[in-house]
Amino acid sequence: MPWSQTSPMDQRTQFIADYLRDVLSVTELCELYGVSRKTGYKWIIAIFA
């Protein structure tokens, strides 16, 4: 079975979807997706701008 490949845009979209589900904190999401909190908040703000 081949490895699952996702594009950076798919990962960003999934990050935002997980944020909107409100299951994990932003800090936990950033750790899960391997991005800094600054980047995570930047992505979130971009969605609501």
Protein backbone atom coordinates (compact mmCIF):
# COMPACT_ATOMS: atom_id res chain seq x y z
CA MET A 1 0.00 0.00 0.00
CA PRO A 2 1.48 3.39 -0.98
CA TRP A 3 2.11 6.15 1.56
CA SER A 4 -0.57 8.77 1.85
CA GLN A 5 0.62 12.03 0.31
CA THR A 6 -0.98 15.36 1.06
CA SER A 7 -0.09 18.74 -0.29
CA PRO A 8 0.72 21.63 2.04
CA MET A 9 -2.59 23.26 1.06
CA ASP A 10 -4.48 20.08 2.04
CA GLN A 11 -2.72 20.08 5.41
CA ARG A 12 -3.57 23.74 5.95
CA THR A 13 -7.21 23.08 5.09
CA GLN A 14 -7.29 20.13 7.50
CA PHE A 15 -5.68 22.31 10.21
CA ILE A 16 -8.48 24.88 9.83
CA ALA A 17 -11.16 22.17 9.79
CA ASP A 18 -9.74 20.71 13.01
CA TYR A 19 -9.64 24.19 14.54
CA LEU A 20 -13.31 24.78 13.69
CA ARG A 21 -14.27 21.45 15.33
CA ASP A 22 -12.86 22.96 18.56
CA VAL A 23 -11.54 19.62 19.85
CA LEU A 24 -7.89 20.64 20.31
CA SER A 25 -6.30 23.90 21.37
CA VAL A 26 -4.33 25.93 18.85
CA THR A 27 -1.11 24.90 20.61
CA GLU A 28 -2.01 21.21 20.32
CA LEU A 29 -2.97 21.61 16.66
CA CYS A 30 0.31 23.35 15.89
CA GLU A 31 2.27 20.56 17.56
CA LEU A 32 0.24 17.95 15.64
CA TYR A 33 0.79 19.64 12.27
CA GLY A 34 4.40 20.63 12.96
CA VAL A 35 3.97 24.39 12.60
CA SER A 36 4.75 27.23 14.98
CA ARG A 37 1.94 28.86 16.95
CA LYS A 38 2.64 32.08 15.07
CA THR A 39 1.99 30.29 11.76
CA GLY A 40 -1.11 28.55 13.14
CA TYR A 41 -2.64 31.83 14.26
CA LYS A 42 -1.69 33.42 10.93
CA TRP A 43 -3.63 30.70 9.09
CA ILE A 44 -6.63 31.11 11.39
CA ILE A 45 -6.70 34.89 11.02
CA ALA A 46 -6.44 34.59 7.23
CA ILE A 47 -9.63 32.52 7.15
CA PHE A 48 -11.66 35.14 9.03
CA ALA A 49 -10.16 38.22 7.38
